[in-house]
Protein backbone atom coordinates (compact mmCIF):
# COMPACT_ATOMS: atom_id res chain seq x y z
CA UNK A 1 9.34 0.17 -15.60
CA UNK A 2 6.72 -1.70 -13.56
CA UNK A 3 5.30 -5.11 -14.44
CA UNK A 4 2.26 -7.04 -13.25
CA UNK A 5 3.10 -8.80 -10.01
CA UNK A 6 5.71 -6.27 -8.83
CA UNK A 7 5.60 -5.54 -5.11
CA UNK A 8 5.47 -1.80 -4.47
CA UNK A 9 5.37 0.50 -1.47
CA UNK A 10 3.26 3.64 -1.57
CA UNK A 11 3.91 6.28 1.09
CA UNK A 12 0.66 7.96 2.17
CA UNK A 13 0.42 11.23 4.11
CA UNK A 14 -2.16 11.04 6.90
CA UNK A 15 -3.48 13.37 9.60
CA UNK A 16 -4.93 12.43 12.99
CA UNK A 17 -4.69 13.03 16.71
CA UNK A 18 -3.20 9.61 17.37
CA UNK A 19 -0.62 8.34 14.84
CA UNK A 20 -0.42 4.55 14.69
CA UNK A 21 2.62 2.36 15.31
CA UNK A 22 3.64 2.37 11.61
CA UNK A 23 3.69 6.19 11.43
CA UNK A 24 6.94 7.82 10.28
CA UNK A 25 8.12 11.44 10.21
CA UNK A 26 5.51 12.58 12.72
CA UNK A 27 5.10 16.36 12.94
CA UNK A 28 2.48 18.44 14.78
CA UNK A 29 0.11 20.54 12.72
CA UNK A 30 0.11 24.32 13.05
CA UNK A 31 -2.50 24.39 15.81
CA UNK A 32 -0.82 21.49 17.60
CA UNK A 33 -3.98 19.41 18.07
CA UNK A 34 -3.28 16.96 15.25
CA UNK A 35 -0.26 15.35 13.66
CA UNK A 36 0.77 14.77 10.08
CA UNK A 37 2.74 11.63 9.35
CA UNK A 38 3.63 9.10 6.67
CA UNK A 39 2.51 5.48 6.47
CA UNK A 40 3.87 2.89 4.06
CA UNK A 41 1.25 0.85 2.18
CA UNK A 42 2.30 -2.52 0.76
CA UNK A 43 0.60 -3.14 -2.58
CA UNK A 44 1.06 -5.22 -5.71
CA UNK A 45 0.82 -4.18 -9.38
CA UNK A 46 -2.34 -5.78 -10.78
CA UNK A 47 -2.31 -4.04 -14.16
CA UNK A 48 -0.13 -1.66 -16.17
CA UNK A 49 -2.36 0.70 -18.13
CA UNK A 50 -1.67 2.78 -21.19
CA UNK A 51 -0.46 6.26 -20.37
CA UNK A 52 1.73 5.12 -17.49
CA UNK A 53 -0.91 4.50 -14.85
CA UNK A 54 -0.82 1.45 -12.60
CA UNK A 55 -3.71 -0.43 -11.07
CA UNK A 56 -2.53 -1.49 -7.62
CA UNK A 57 -4.19 -4.07 -5.37
CA UNK A 58 -4.27 -3.62 -1.61
CA UNK A 59 -4.18 -6.38 1.00
CA UNK A 60 -7.93 -6.18 1.45
CA UNK A 61 -8.62 -6.50 -2.28
CA UNK A 62 -9.30 -2.85 -3.05
CA UNK A 63 -7.71 -1.28 -6.10
CA UNK A 64 -6.04 2.09 -6.52
CA UNK A 65 -4.99 3.76 -9.76
CA UNK A 66 -1.68 5.59 -9.36
CA UNK A 67 0.64 7.21 -11.91
CA UNK A 68 3.86 5.24 -12.32
CA UNK A 69 5.84 8.49 -11.94
CA UNK A 70 4.30 9.31 -8.54
CA UNK A 71 7.21 10.16 -6.21
CA UNK A 72 5.45 8.41 -3.31
CA UNK A 73 5.53 5.09 -5.20
CA UNK A 74 8.55 2.81 -5.38
CA UNK A 75 9.46 -0.80 -5.89
CA UNK A 76 9.96 -2.82 -2.69
CA UNK A 77 13.60 -3.53 -1.93
CA UNK A 78 14.81 -7.09 -1.45
CA UNK A 79 15.00 -6.82 2.33
CA UNK A 80 11.53 -5.23 2.48
CA UNK A 81 10.10 -8.10 0.44
CA UNK A 82 11.55 -10.53 2.96
CA UNK A 83 10.78 -8.54 6.13
CA UNK A 84 7.24 -7.45 5.17
CA UNK A 85 6.19 -10.41 3.00
CA UNK A 86 3.00 -10.94 5.00
CA UNK A 87 1.89 -7.35 4.35
CA UNK A 88 1.84 -7.70 0.56
CA UNK A 89 -1.30 -9.12 -1.09
CA UNK A 90 -1.20 -12.14 -3.36
CA UNK A 91 -1.94 -11.22 -6.98
CA UNK A 92 -4.54 -13.95 -7.36
CA UNK A 93 -6.54 -12.78 -4.31
CA UNK A 94 -9.48 -11.41 -6.28
CA UNK A 95 -12.10 -12.56 -3.81
CA UNK A 96 -12.48 -12.09 -0.07
CA UNK A 97 -11.28 -15.02 2.02
CA UNK A 98 -13.86 -17.71 2.65
CA UNK A 99 -15.24 -17.97 6.16
CA UNK A 100 -13.63 -21.08 7.68
CA UNK A 101 -16.63 -21.60 9.97
CA UNK A 102 -19.01 -21.91 7.01
CA UNK A 103 -19.93 -25.47 6.08
CA UNK A 104 -19.38 -26.98 2.62
């Protein structure tokens, strides 16, 4: 179903007192001091593993192993690929960006 290089969106549930600007479906917790909400993460498939697991790469170069059947994971739609293109990592970004102020 997924192939290396596919752009995917993973919806993460988070909890805090101050949801950020990308928070969706914000609901107060039982005590009312905190909020639970969803945040979309824009990742790319770096590897398809045996057994149906995917190795996903984040924008900052971290990797996450997620089951391909996870209901929070889905392929990015065409309009999301266009609208959020800058939020998806490049597949070949294996190293942190070089410091432009460093001399050669």
